[in-house]
Amino acid sequence: MPIDSASSYPATPDAVLALLTDEQFLRDRAAALGAQVQEVTVADTSTTARLAAPTAGIPPVFARFVGSSVSVVERSAWSPDGAGGHRSELDVQAEVFGRVVQVTGERRLLPDPAGTRSTVTGDATVDAPLIGRQAEGAVRELVAVVLRKEDELLRRRLG
């Protein structure tokens, strides 16, 4: 089951992008998730966030392998899409006991009559024999939680 999420915001794609590339917004999003920020860098419309993300809520079968938190790196490099919006590759990585957990895909901010339509499409991969497929499902569920928290925070900020 791939990652496929969409939201709409009452603001222009440029206004939504300004928040998604704002250091304080990224720190606030991490706090809303209960994550500890290790580093946030913003350079124009490129961001890197290194977090210690809590593992509370993951299926018990995986919890014993990961501990109470996992180090996560999220990178984005937004560019104009040529149609009045913006796009960025979705790139989130973690390593658990030497196994790579990766979320890849695309994020888009599209002009919409009501403001902006935001889409996230992609997939999760976990390099773990035997439990990889189950773990990928758990990662997709965690991505959905992150996107819901981000959506709530964006809506509050955009008013």
N, C-alpha and C. Protein backbone atom coordinates (compact mmCIF):
# COMPACT_ATOMS: atom_id res chain seq x y z
N MET A 1 0.85 -1.18 0.00
CA MET A 1 0.00 0.00 0.00
C MET A 1 0.89 1.24 0.00
N PRO A 2 0.88 2.03 -1.07
CA PRO A 2 1.74 3.21 -1.15
C PRO A 2 1.24 4.37 -0.29
N ILE A 3 2.11 5.33 -0.12
CA ILE A 3 1.76 6.56 0.59
C ILE A 3 1.06 7.47 -0.41
N ASP A 4 -0.12 7.96 -0.06
CA ASP A 4 -0.88 8.84 -0.94
C ASP A 4 -1.74 9.74 -0.06
N SER A 5 -1.36 11.01 0.02
CA SER A 5 -2.05 11.94 0.91
C SER A 5 -2.29 13.26 0.19
N ALA A 6 -3.41 13.90 0.49
CA ALA A 6 -3.71 15.20 -0.11
C ALA A 6 -4.41 16.07 0.92
N SER A 7 -4.09 17.36 0.88
CA SER A 7 -4.72 18.36 1.74
C SER A 7 -4.87 19.65 0.96
N SER A 8 -5.79 20.49 1.40
CA SER A 8 -5.97 21.80 0.78
C SER A 8 -5.80 22.88 1.83
N TYR A 9 -5.23 24.01 1.42
CA TYR A 9 -4.97 25.13 2.34
C TYR A 9 -5.46 26.43 1.73
N PRO A 10 -5.98 27.34 2.56
CA PRO A 10 -6.49 28.62 2.08
C PRO A 10 -5.38 29.66 1.92
N ALA A 11 -4.33 29.29 1.21
CA ALA A 11 -3.20 30.19 0.98
C ALA A 11 -2.52 29.78 -0.32
N THR A 12 -1.70 30.65 -0.85
CA THR A 12 -1.00 30.36 -2.10
C THR A 12 0.07 29.30 -1.89
N PRO A 13 0.48 28.63 -2.98
CA PRO A 13 1.59 27.69 -2.85
C PRO A 13 2.85 28.34 -2.27
N ASP A 14 3.10 29.61 -2.63
CA ASP A 14 4.27 30.30 -2.08
C ASP A 14 4.17 30.46 -0.57
N ALA A 15 2.98 30.76 -0.07
CA ALA A 15 2.79 30.93 1.38
C ALA A 15 2.96 29.60 2.11
N VAL A 16 2.45 28.52 1.54
CA VAL A 16 2.60 27.20 2.16
C VAL A 16 4.08 26.80 2.14
N LEU A 17 4.74 27.04 1.00
CA LEU A 17 6.17 26.72 0.90
C LEU A 17 6.99 27.51 1.92
N ALA A 18 6.63 28.77 2.12
CA ALA A 18 7.36 29.59 3.09
C ALA A 18 7.33 28.96 4.48
N LEU A 19 6.20 28.38 4.85
CA LEU A 19 6.12 27.70 6.15
C LEU A 19 6.90 26.39 6.15
N LEU A 20 6.76 25.60 5.10
CA LEU A 20 7.44 24.30 5.05
C LEU A 20 8.97 24.43 5.03
N THR A 21 9.46 25.63 4.69
CA THR A 21 10.90 25.86 4.66
C THR A 21 11.34 26.84 5.75
N ASP A 22 10.50 27.01 6.75
CA ASP A 22 10.81 27.90 7.87
C ASP A 22 11.39 27.08 9.03
N GLU A 23 12.54 27.48 9.53
CA GLU A 23 13.20 26.70 10.59
C GLU A 23 12.32 26.54 11.82
N GLN A 24 11.65 27.61 12.24
CA GLN A 24 10.81 27.50 13.44
C GLN A 24 9.62 26.56 13.21
N PHE A 25 9.04 26.60 12.01
CA PHE A 25 7.95 25.67 11.69
C PHE A 25 8.44 24.23 11.79
N LEU A 26 9.62 23.95 11.24
CA LEU A 26 10.17 22.59 11.29
C LEU A 26 10.42 22.15 12.73
N ARG A 27 10.89 23.07 13.56
CA ARG A 27 11.10 22.75 14.98
C ARG A 27 9.76 22.52 15.69
N ASP A 28 8.77 23.35 15.37
CA ASP A 28 7.45 23.19 15.98
C ASP A 28 6.79 21.88 15.55
N ARG A 29 6.99 21.50 14.30
CA ARG A 29 6.44 20.23 13.81
C ARG A 29 7.07 19.06 14.56
N ALA A 30 8.38 19.13 14.76
CA ALA A 30 9.07 18.07 15.52
C ALA A 30 8.53 18.00 16.94
N ALA A 31 8.33 19.16 17.57
CA ALA A 31 7.80 19.19 18.94
C ALA A 31 6.40 18.60 18.99
N ALA A 32 5.58 18.90 17.98
CA ALA A 32 4.21 18.36 17.94
C ALA A 32 4.22 16.84 17.83
N LEU A 33 5.28 16.29 17.29
CA LEU A 33 5.42 14.84 17.15
C LEU A 33 6.12 14.21 18.35
N GLY A 34 6.57 15.05 19.27
CA GLY A 34 7.30 14.53 20.43
C GLY A 34 8.74 14.18 20.10
N ALA A 35 9.26 14.68 18.98
CA ALA A 35 10.63 14.39 18.56
C ALA A 35 11.59 15.43 19.10
N GLN A 36 12.82 15.01 19.33
CA GLN A 36 13.87 15.93 19.74
C GLN A 36 14.64 16.36 18.50
N VAL A 37 14.80 17.67 18.33
CA VAL A 37 15.54 18.20 17.19
C VAL A 37 17.03 18.08 17.48
N GLN A 38 17.75 17.43 16.59
CA GLN A 38 19.20 17.36 16.69
C GLN A 38 19.83 18.45 15.84
N GLU A 39 19.20 18.73 14.69
CA GLU A 39 19.72 19.77 13.79
C GLU A 39 18.65 20.11 12.76
N VAL A 40 18.50 21.39 12.47
CA VAL A 40 17.65 21.84 11.37
C VAL A 40 18.46 22.85 10.58
N THR A 41 18.58 22.63 9.28
CA THR A 41 19.24 23.61 8.42
C THR A 41 18.28 23.98 7.29
N VAL A 42 18.27 25.27 6.99
CA VAL A 42 17.44 25.79 5.90
C VAL A 42 18.34 26.66 5.03
N ALA A 43 18.35 26.38 3.74
CA ALA A 43 19.09 27.18 2.77
C ALA A 43 18.14 27.44 1.60
N ASP A 44 17.60 28.67 1.59
CA ASP A 44 16.61 29.05 0.58
C ASP A 44 15.41 28.10 0.67
N THR A 45 15.19 27.24 -0.32
CA THR A 45 14.04 26.33 -0.27
C THR A 45 14.46 24.87 -0.07
N SER A 46 15.65 24.68 0.48
CA SER A 46 16.13 23.34 0.83
C SER A 46 16.22 23.22 2.33
N THR A 47 15.79 22.09 2.86
CA THR A 47 15.83 21.88 4.31
C THR A 47 16.38 20.49 4.62
N THR A 48 17.01 20.41 5.78
CA THR A 48 17.42 19.12 6.35
C THR A 48 17.06 19.16 7.82
N ALA A 49 16.35 18.15 8.27
CA ALA A 49 15.99 18.04 9.69
C ALA A 49 16.48 16.68 10.19
N ARG A 50 17.27 16.73 11.26
CA ARG A 50 17.74 15.50 11.93
C ARG A 50 17.04 15.45 13.27
N LEU A 51 16.31 14.37 13.50
CA LEU A 51 15.48 14.25 14.69
C LEU A 51 15.71 12.92 15.39
N ALA A 52 15.46 12.92 16.69
CA ALA A 52 15.32 11.68 17.44
C ALA A 52 13.82 11.51 17.63
N ALA A 53 13.22 10.66 16.81
CA ALA A 53 11.76 10.51 16.79
C ALA A 53 11.33 9.39 17.73
N PRO A 54 10.27 9.63 18.50
CA PRO A 54 9.79 8.59 19.42
C PRO A 54 9.20 7.42 18.64
N THR A 55 9.30 6.25 19.22
CA THR A 55 8.75 5.06 18.57
C THR A 55 7.45 4.60 19.23
N ALA A 56 6.93 5.41 20.14
CA ALA A 56 5.65 5.06 20.78
C ALA A 56 4.59 4.92 19.70
N GLY A 57 3.79 3.90 19.81
CA GLY A 57 2.70 3.69 18.86
C GLY A 57 3.03 2.72 17.74
N ILE A 58 4.31 2.32 17.63
CA ILE A 58 4.60 1.34 16.59
C ILE A 58 4.17 -0.04 17.06
N PRO A 59 3.91 -0.95 16.14
CA PRO A 59 3.47 -2.29 16.55
C PRO A 59 4.47 -2.94 17.50
N PRO A 60 3.98 -3.61 18.53
CA PRO A 60 4.85 -4.22 19.54
C PRO A 60 5.90 -5.17 18.97
N VAL A 61 5.59 -5.83 17.86
CA VAL A 61 6.54 -6.77 17.28
C VAL A 61 7.83 -6.06 16.85
N PHE A 62 7.74 -4.75 16.53
CA PHE A 62 8.91 -3.99 16.12
C PHE A 62 9.51 -3.18 17.25
N ALA A 63 8.71 -2.84 18.23
CA ALA A 63 9.15 -1.97 19.33
C ALA A 63 10.38 -2.52 20.04
N ARG A 64 10.45 -3.81 20.22
CA ARG A 64 11.59 -4.39 20.95
C ARG A 64 12.90 -4.24 20.18
N PHE A 65 12.82 -3.99 18.87
CA PHE A 65 14.03 -3.84 18.07
C PHE A 65 14.54 -2.41 18.00
N VAL A 66 13.67 -1.43 18.24
CA VAL A 66 14.06 -0.05 17.97
C VAL A 66 14.27 0.81 19.20
N GLY A 67 13.81 0.41 20.35
CA GLY A 67 13.97 1.24 21.54
C GLY A 67 12.95 2.36 21.58
N SER A 68 13.23 3.37 22.39
CA SER A 68 12.25 4.44 22.60
C SER A 68 12.31 5.55 21.55
N SER A 69 13.41 5.61 20.78
CA SER A 69 13.50 6.61 19.72
C SER A 69 14.41 6.10 18.61
N VAL A 70 14.29 6.74 17.46
CA VAL A 70 15.11 6.38 16.31
C VAL A 70 15.56 7.68 15.65
N SER A 71 16.79 7.70 15.17
CA SER A 71 17.33 8.87 14.49
C SER A 71 16.80 8.91 13.06
N VAL A 72 16.23 10.06 12.69
CA VAL A 72 15.60 10.23 11.38
C VAL A 72 16.20 11.46 10.70
N VAL A 73 16.46 11.35 9.40
CA VAL A 73 16.92 12.49 8.60
C VAL A 73 15.90 12.71 7.48
N GLU A 74 15.39 13.94 7.41
CA GLU A 74 14.42 14.31 6.37
C GLU A 74 15.01 15.45 5.55
N ARG A 75 15.06 15.26 4.24
CA ARG A 75 15.61 16.29 3.35
C ARG A 75 14.55 16.71 2.33
N SER A 76 14.54 17.99 2.01
CA SER A 76 13.68 18.48 0.93
C SER A 76 14.44 19.55 0.16
N ALA A 77 14.19 19.60 -1.13
CA ALA A 77 14.77 20.63 -2.00
C ALA A 77 13.67 21.04 -2.97
N TRP A 78 12.94 22.08 -2.59
CA TRP A 78 11.79 22.53 -3.37
C TRP A 78 12.23 23.31 -4.60
N SER A 79 11.47 23.13 -5.69
CA SER A 79 11.72 23.90 -6.91
C SER A 79 10.37 24.22 -7.56
N PRO A 80 10.33 25.30 -8.37
CA PRO A 80 9.08 25.62 -9.07
C PRO A 80 8.71 24.48 -10.01
N ASP A 81 7.41 24.25 -10.16
CA ASP A 81 6.97 23.16 -11.03
C ASP A 81 6.58 23.64 -12.43
N GLY A 82 6.67 24.95 -12.68
CA GLY A 82 6.33 25.50 -13.99
C GLY A 82 4.86 25.79 -14.18
N ALA A 83 4.04 25.46 -13.17
CA ALA A 83 2.59 25.68 -13.27
C ALA A 83 2.08 26.52 -12.10
N GLY A 84 2.98 27.28 -11.48
CA GLY A 84 2.57 28.13 -10.35
C GLY A 84 2.68 27.46 -9.00
N GLY A 85 3.18 26.25 -8.98
CA GLY A 85 3.33 25.53 -7.72
C GLY A 85 4.78 25.16 -7.46
N HIS A 86 4.97 24.19 -6.59
CA HIS A 86 6.32 23.75 -6.21
C HIS A 86 6.32 22.24 -6.04
N ARG A 87 7.51 21.65 -6.19
CA ARG A 87 7.66 20.21 -5.99
C ARG A 87 8.98 19.93 -5.28
N SER A 88 9.00 18.80 -4.57
CA SER A 88 10.21 18.34 -3.91
C SER A 88 10.18 16.83 -3.84
N GLU A 89 11.35 16.24 -3.97
CA GLU A 89 11.45 14.80 -3.73
C GLU A 89 11.19 14.55 -2.26
N LEU A 90 10.54 13.46 -1.95
CA LEU A 90 10.31 13.03 -0.57
C LEU A 90 11.48 12.12 -0.21
N ASP A 91 12.25 12.50 0.81
CA ASP A 91 13.44 11.74 1.19
C ASP A 91 13.58 11.72 2.70
N VAL A 92 13.17 10.61 3.31
CA VAL A 92 13.27 10.44 4.76
C VAL A 92 13.99 9.12 4.99
N GLN A 93 15.03 9.17 5.84
CA GLN A 93 15.80 7.95 6.10
C GLN A 93 16.06 7.76 7.58
N ALA A 94 16.12 6.50 7.96
CA ALA A 94 16.49 6.12 9.32
C ALA A 94 17.27 4.82 9.22
N GLU A 95 18.02 4.54 10.26
CA GLU A 95 18.75 3.28 10.32
C GLU A 95 18.45 2.63 11.66
N VAL A 96 18.01 1.39 11.61
CA VAL A 96 17.67 0.65 12.82
C VAL A 96 18.48 -0.65 12.80
N PHE A 97 19.38 -0.79 13.75
CA PHE A 97 20.24 -1.97 13.84
C PHE A 97 20.91 -2.28 12.50
N GLY A 98 21.42 -1.24 11.85
CA GLY A 98 22.12 -1.42 10.59
C GLY A 98 21.23 -1.62 9.38
N ARG A 99 19.94 -1.61 9.57
CA ARG A 99 18.99 -1.77 8.46
C ARG A 99 18.43 -0.42 8.07
N VAL A 100 18.37 -0.17 6.77
CA VAL A 100 17.90 1.12 6.27
C VAL A 100 16.38 1.13 6.15
N VAL A 101 15.79 2.18 6.70
CA VAL A 101 14.36 2.45 6.56
C VAL A 101 14.28 3.72 5.72
N GLN A 102 13.56 3.67 4.61
CA GLN A 102 13.54 4.82 3.72
C GLN A 102 12.13 5.09 3.21
N VAL A 103 11.79 6.38 3.16
CA VAL A 103 10.54 6.82 2.57
C VAL A 103 10.92 7.74 1.41
N THR A 104 10.50 7.38 0.21
CA THR A 104 10.81 8.18 -0.97
C THR A 104 9.54 8.44 -1.76
N GLY A 105 9.57 9.51 -2.54
CA GLY A 105 8.42 9.86 -3.35
C GLY A 105 8.49 11.32 -3.74
N GLU A 106 7.33 11.96 -3.78
CA GLU A 106 7.26 13.35 -4.22
C GLU A 106 6.22 14.12 -3.41
N ARG A 107 6.57 15.37 -3.13
CA ARG A 107 5.62 16.31 -2.52
C ARG A 107 5.35 17.40 -3.54
N ARG A 108 4.09 17.83 -3.63
CA ARG A 108 3.74 18.91 -4.56
C ARG A 108 2.82 19.90 -3.88
N LEU A 109 2.99 21.15 -4.22
CA LEU A 109 2.09 22.23 -3.81
C LEU A 109 1.52 22.80 -5.09
N LEU A 110 0.22 22.57 -5.31
CA LEU A 110 -0.42 22.94 -6.57
C LEU A 110 -1.41 24.07 -6.37
N PRO A 111 -1.41 25.07 -7.29
CA PRO A 111 -2.42 26.12 -7.18
C PRO A 111 -3.82 25.51 -7.31
N ASP A 112 -4.74 26.04 -6.54
CA ASP A 112 -6.10 25.53 -6.48
C ASP A 112 -7.01 26.75 -6.33
N PRO A 113 -8.24 26.72 -6.84
CA PRO A 113 -9.12 27.88 -6.68
C PRO A 113 -9.27 28.33 -5.22
N ALA A 114 -9.19 27.39 -4.28
CA ALA A 114 -9.32 27.74 -2.86
C ALA A 114 -7.98 28.10 -2.23
N GLY A 115 -6.87 27.97 -2.97
CA GLY A 115 -5.55 28.28 -2.43
C GLY A 115 -4.50 27.31 -2.93
N THR A 116 -4.26 26.25 -2.15
CA THR A 116 -3.23 25.27 -2.50
C THR A 116 -3.72 23.86 -2.22
N ARG A 117 -3.42 22.98 -3.15
CA ARG A 117 -3.63 21.55 -2.92
C ARG A 117 -2.24 20.94 -2.74
N SER A 118 -2.04 20.31 -1.60
CA SER A 118 -0.77 19.67 -1.28
C SER A 118 -0.92 18.16 -1.44
N THR A 119 0.00 17.54 -2.17
CA THR A 119 -0.04 16.09 -2.33
C THR A 119 1.30 15.48 -1.92
N VAL A 120 1.21 14.30 -1.36
CA VAL A 120 2.40 13.52 -1.01
C VAL A 120 2.16 12.11 -1.53
N THR A 121 3.06 11.65 -2.40
CA THR A 121 2.97 10.29 -2.91
C THR A 121 4.34 9.63 -2.75
N GLY A 122 4.33 8.36 -2.49
CA GLY A 122 5.60 7.66 -2.34
C GLY A 122 5.42 6.28 -1.78
N ASP A 123 6.50 5.77 -1.24
CA ASP A 123 6.46 4.44 -0.65
C ASP A 123 7.54 4.32 0.41
N ALA A 124 7.38 3.34 1.25
CA ALA A 124 8.33 3.05 2.32
C ALA A 124 9.01 1.72 2.01
N THR A 125 10.31 1.67 2.26
CA THR A 125 11.04 0.41 2.12
C THR A 125 11.85 0.18 3.38
N VAL A 126 11.90 -1.07 3.79
CA VAL A 126 12.67 -1.47 4.97
C VAL A 126 13.53 -2.65 4.56
N ASP A 127 14.84 -2.48 4.67
CA ASP A 127 15.79 -3.52 4.30
C ASP A 127 15.93 -4.52 5.44
N ALA A 128 14.93 -5.39 5.57
CA ALA A 128 14.94 -6.39 6.64
C ALA A 128 14.28 -7.67 6.15
N PRO A 129 15.06 -8.72 5.98
CA PRO A 129 14.47 -9.98 5.55
C PRO A 129 13.38 -10.44 6.52
N LEU A 130 12.42 -11.11 6.02
CA LEU A 130 11.31 -11.71 6.77
C LEU A 130 10.29 -10.71 7.29
N ILE A 131 10.72 -9.60 7.89
CA ILE A 131 9.74 -8.67 8.47
C ILE A 131 9.63 -7.37 7.69
N GLY A 132 10.37 -7.25 6.58
CA GLY A 132 10.40 -6.01 5.82
C GLY A 132 9.03 -5.50 5.41
N ARG A 133 8.19 -6.37 4.86
CA ARG A 133 6.86 -5.96 4.39
C ARG A 133 5.99 -5.47 5.54
N GLN A 134 6.01 -6.19 6.65
CA GLN A 134 5.23 -5.75 7.83
C GLN A 134 5.76 -4.41 8.33
N ALA A 135 7.08 -4.28 8.38
CA ALA A 135 7.68 -3.04 8.87
C ALA A 135 7.34 -1.88 7.94
N GLU A 136 7.29 -2.12 6.64
CA GLU A 136 6.92 -1.06 5.70
C GLU A 136 5.52 -0.55 5.97
N GLY A 137 4.61 -1.44 6.30
CA GLY A 137 3.25 -1.02 6.66
C GLY A 137 3.26 -0.14 7.90
N ALA A 138 4.07 -0.49 8.89
CA ALA A 138 4.17 0.32 10.11
C ALA A 138 4.76 1.69 9.80
N VAL A 139 5.76 1.74 8.91
CA VAL A 139 6.37 3.01 8.53
C VAL A 139 5.35 3.88 7.81
N ARG A 140 4.56 3.31 6.92
CA ARG A 140 3.52 4.09 6.22
C ARG A 140 2.52 4.67 7.21
N GLU A 141 2.16 3.91 8.23
CA GLU A 141 1.25 4.43 9.26
C GLU A 141 1.88 5.60 10.01
N LEU A 142 3.17 5.51 10.30
CA LEU A 142 3.86 6.61 10.98
C LEU A 142 3.93 7.84 10.08
N VAL A 143 4.15 7.65 8.78
CA VAL A 143 4.16 8.77 7.84
C VAL A 143 2.80 9.46 7.85
N ALA A 144 1.73 8.69 7.89
CA ALA A 144 0.38 9.27 7.95
C ALA A 144 0.20 10.12 9.20
N VAL A 145 0.73 9.67 10.33
CA VAL A 145 0.66 10.45 11.57
C VAL A 145 1.43 11.76 11.41
N VAL A 146 2.62 11.69 10.85
CA VAL A 146 3.44 12.90 10.64
C VAL A 146 2.69 13.88 9.75
N LEU A 147 2.12 13.40 8.66
CA LEU A 147 1.40 14.29 7.73
C LEU A 147 0.17 14.91 8.38
N ARG A 148 -0.53 14.16 9.23
CA ARG A 148 -1.69 14.74 9.95
C ARG A 148 -1.25 15.85 10.89
N LYS A 149 -0.17 15.63 11.63
CA LYS A 149 0.34 16.67 12.54
C LYS A 149 0.80 17.90 11.76
N GLU A 150 1.49 17.66 10.64
CA GLU A 150 1.94 18.77 9.81
C GLU A 150 0.74 19.55 9.28
N ASP A 151 -0.29 18.84 8.84
CA ASP A 151 -1.51 19.47 8.33
C ASP A 151 -2.15 20.35 9.41
N GLU A 152 -2.26 19.83 10.63
CA GLU A 152 -2.85 20.61 11.73
C GLU A 152 -2.05 21.88 11.98
N LEU A 153 -0.74 21.76 12.00
CA LEU A 153 0.12 22.91 12.26
C LEU A 153 0.04 23.93 11.12
N LEU A 154 0.04 23.46 9.88
CA LEU A 154 -0.10 24.37 8.74
C LEU A 154 -1.43 25.13 8.80
N ARG A 155 -2.50 24.43 9.10
CA ARG A 155 -3.82 25.08 9.17
C ARG A 155 -3.84 26.17 10.25
N ARG A 156 -3.25 25.88 11.40
CA ARG A 156 -3.20 26.90 12.46
C ARG A 156 -2.38 28.11 12.02
N ARG A 157 -1.27 27.87 11.38
CA ARG A 157 -0.39 28.97 10.97
C ARG A 157 -0.98 29.80 9.83
N LEU A 158 -1.69 29.12 8.93
CA LEU A 158 -2.26 29.83 7.79
C LEU A 158 -3.58 30.51 8.13
N GLY A 159 -4.11 30.21 9.32
CA GLY A 159 -5.29 30.88 9.84
C GLY A 159 -6.55 30.49 9.17
